[in-house]
Protein backbone atom coordinates (compact mmCIF):
# COMPACT_ATOMS: atom_id res chain seq x y z
CA UNK A 1 4.14 -2.76 9.21
CA UNK A 2 2.32 -5.78 10.48
CA UNK A 3 -0.98 -7.18 9.37
CA UNK A 4 -2.97 -5.76 6.57
CA UNK A 5 -5.28 -2.99 7.68
CA UNK A 6 -8.76 -2.66 6.26
CA UNK A 7 -9.58 0.75 4.63
CA UNK A 8 -12.59 1.08 7.00
CA UNK A 9 -10.38 0.69 10.03
CA UNK A 10 -7.98 3.39 8.66
CA UNK A 11 -10.90 5.70 8.01
CA UNK A 12 -12.09 5.33 11.59
CA UNK A 13 -8.57 5.98 12.92
CA UNK A 14 -8.12 9.12 10.80
CA UNK A 15 -11.61 10.37 11.72
CA UNK A 16 -10.85 9.87 15.47
CA UNK A 17 -7.54 11.66 15.08
CA UNK A 18 -9.05 14.57 13.26
CA UNK A 19 -11.78 15.04 15.92
CA UNK A 20 -9.13 15.06 18.72
CA UNK A 21 -6.68 17.12 16.69
CA UNK A 22 -8.50 20.38 17.40
CA UNK A 23 -7.36 20.10 20.99
CA UNK A 24 -3.74 18.82 20.29
CA UNK A 25 -3.06 20.18 16.82
CA UNK A 26 -0.02 18.91 15.06
CA UNK A 27 0.89 16.63 12.13
CA UNK A 28 -0.50 13.25 11.20
CA UNK A 29 1.05 10.76 13.55
CA UNK A 30 3.49 8.15 12.13
CA UNK A 31 1.21 5.29 13.00
CA UNK A 32 -1.51 6.71 10.82
CA UNK A 33 0.82 7.26 7.96
CA UNK A 34 1.77 3.61 8.25
CA UNK A 35 -1.83 2.61 8.20
CA UNK A 36 -2.47 4.66 5.15
CA UNK A 37 0.56 3.16 3.38
CA UNK A 38 -0.63 -0.30 4.23
CA UNK A 39 -4.06 0.38 2.85
CA UNK A 40 -2.57 2.03 -0.25
CA UNK A 41 -0.52 -1.13 -0.97
CA UNK A 42 -3.81 -2.99 -1.40
CA UNK A 43 -6.23 -0.36 -2.75
CA UNK A 44 -3.88 2.05 -4.53
CA UNK A 45 -2.72 5.53 -3.64
CA UNK A 46 -5.51 7.43 -5.37
CA UNK A 47 -8.42 5.54 -3.79
CA UNK A 48 -6.72 5.61 -0.33
CA UNK A 49 -5.99 9.27 -0.52
CA UNK A 50 -9.63 10.03 -1.38
CA UNK A 51 -11.07 7.76 1.26
CA UNK A 52 -8.72 8.99 3.99
CA UNK A 53 -8.82 12.62 2.86
CA UNK A 54 -5.08 12.84 2.41
CA UNK A 55 -2.89 14.65 -0.12
CA UNK A 56 -2.28 12.03 -2.78
CA UNK A 57 1.22 13.31 -3.61
CA UNK A 58 2.36 13.08 -0.04
CA UNK A 59 0.82 9.57 0.38
CA UNK A 60 2.53 8.41 -2.84
CA UNK A 61 5.90 9.82 -1.68
CA UNK A 62 5.46 8.11 1.68
CA UNK A 63 4.69 4.79 0.00
CA UNK A 64 7.70 5.09 -2.33
CA UNK A 65 9.92 5.78 0.66
CA UNK A 66 8.67 2.72 2.40
CA UNK A 67 8.92 0.62 -0.73
CA UNK A 68 12.60 1.51 -1.04
CA UNK A 69 13.05 0.04 2.47
CA UNK A 70 10.90 -3.02 1.82
CA UNK A 71 11.32 -3.33 -1.95
CA UNK A 72 7.57 -3.53 -2.45
CA UNK A 73 5.63 -1.29 -4.83
CA UNK A 74 1.97 -0.51 -5.42
CA UNK A 75 -0.02 -2.62 -7.81
CA UNK A 76 -2.81 -0.59 -9.44
CA UNK A 77 -5.41 -2.47 -11.43
CA UNK A 78 -5.87 0.49 -13.65
CA UNK A 79 -2.31 0.24 -14.91
CA UNK A 80 -2.49 -3.42 -15.87
CA UNK A 81 -2.72 -4.45 -19.68
CA UNK A 82 -5.13 -7.37 -19.45
CA UNK A 83 -7.99 -7.70 -16.87
CA UNK A 84 -7.40 -10.84 -14.79
CA UNK A 85 -3.75 -11.31 -15.93
CA UNK A 86 -0.96 -9.99 -13.80
CA UNK A 87 2.79 -10.06 -14.03
CA UNK A 88 4.53 -9.60 -10.67
CA UNK A 89 8.21 -8.82 -10.89
CA UNK A 90 10.28 -8.52 -7.77
CA UNK A 91 13.93 -7.49 -7.38
CA UNK A 92 15.93 -6.98 -4.24
CA UNK A 93 19.00 -4.80 -3.57
CA UNK A 94 21.29 -7.71 -4.34
CA UNK A 95 19.76 -8.16 -7.79
CA UNK A 96 17.76 -11.30 -6.99
CA UNK A 97 14.73 -11.34 -9.42
CA UNK A 98 11.53 -13.15 -9.34
CA UNK A 99 8.84 -12.95 -12.08
CA UNK A 100 5.42 -14.55 -11.72
CA UNK A 101 2.47 -14.55 -14.10
CA UNK A 102 -1.02 -14.92 -12.45
CA UNK A 103 -4.25 -15.24 -14.38
CA UNK A 104 -7.88 -15.12 -13.38
CA UNK A 105 -7.24 -13.66 -9.84
CA UNK A 106 -8.13 -10.42 -8.25
CA UNK A 107 -5.67 -7.50 -7.45
CA UNK A 108 -6.05 -8.23 -3.74
CA UNK A 109 -4.85 -11.84 -4.43
CA UNK A 110 -1.93 -10.57 -6.54
CA UNK A 111 -0.93 -8.12 -3.79
CA UNK A 112 -1.01 -10.84 -1.15
CA UNK A 113 0.86 -13.22 -3.30
CA UNK A 114 3.55 -10.59 -4.06
CA UNK A 115 3.96 -9.80 -0.41
CA UNK A 116 4.31 -13.47 0.45
CA UNK A 117 6.75 -14.10 -2.36
CA UNK A 118 8.84 -11.06 -1.31
CA UNK A 119 8.96 -12.15 2.32
CA UNK A 120 10.34 -15.52 1.16
CA UNK A 121 13.31 -13.81 -0.48
CA UNK A 122 14.34 -11.99 2.66
């Protein structure tokens, strides 16, 4: 998927596609879905779907499909038990497990750390 995409950049890309879509019609291009999934991995599915004006269920399904291939899942701050404390658990298809407890960091930092840790296991 490449470098992390800012939500503002994805908004611009979707706005541009929607403006040009009237002439070309069709479904959302794969590249835009990839951008949306990348943004959702940082900001969560709900916020991303709202900002990009996407169907949240479809975006979630898309993220889950990609997660099965990459082994990475969404981290949503609203689902965490203690503010500022995060437990990141990773497991690959071979059963390799990694559990890390992080305290006093932001969800963006946790997401970045999880991505980095996961890439080290590959």
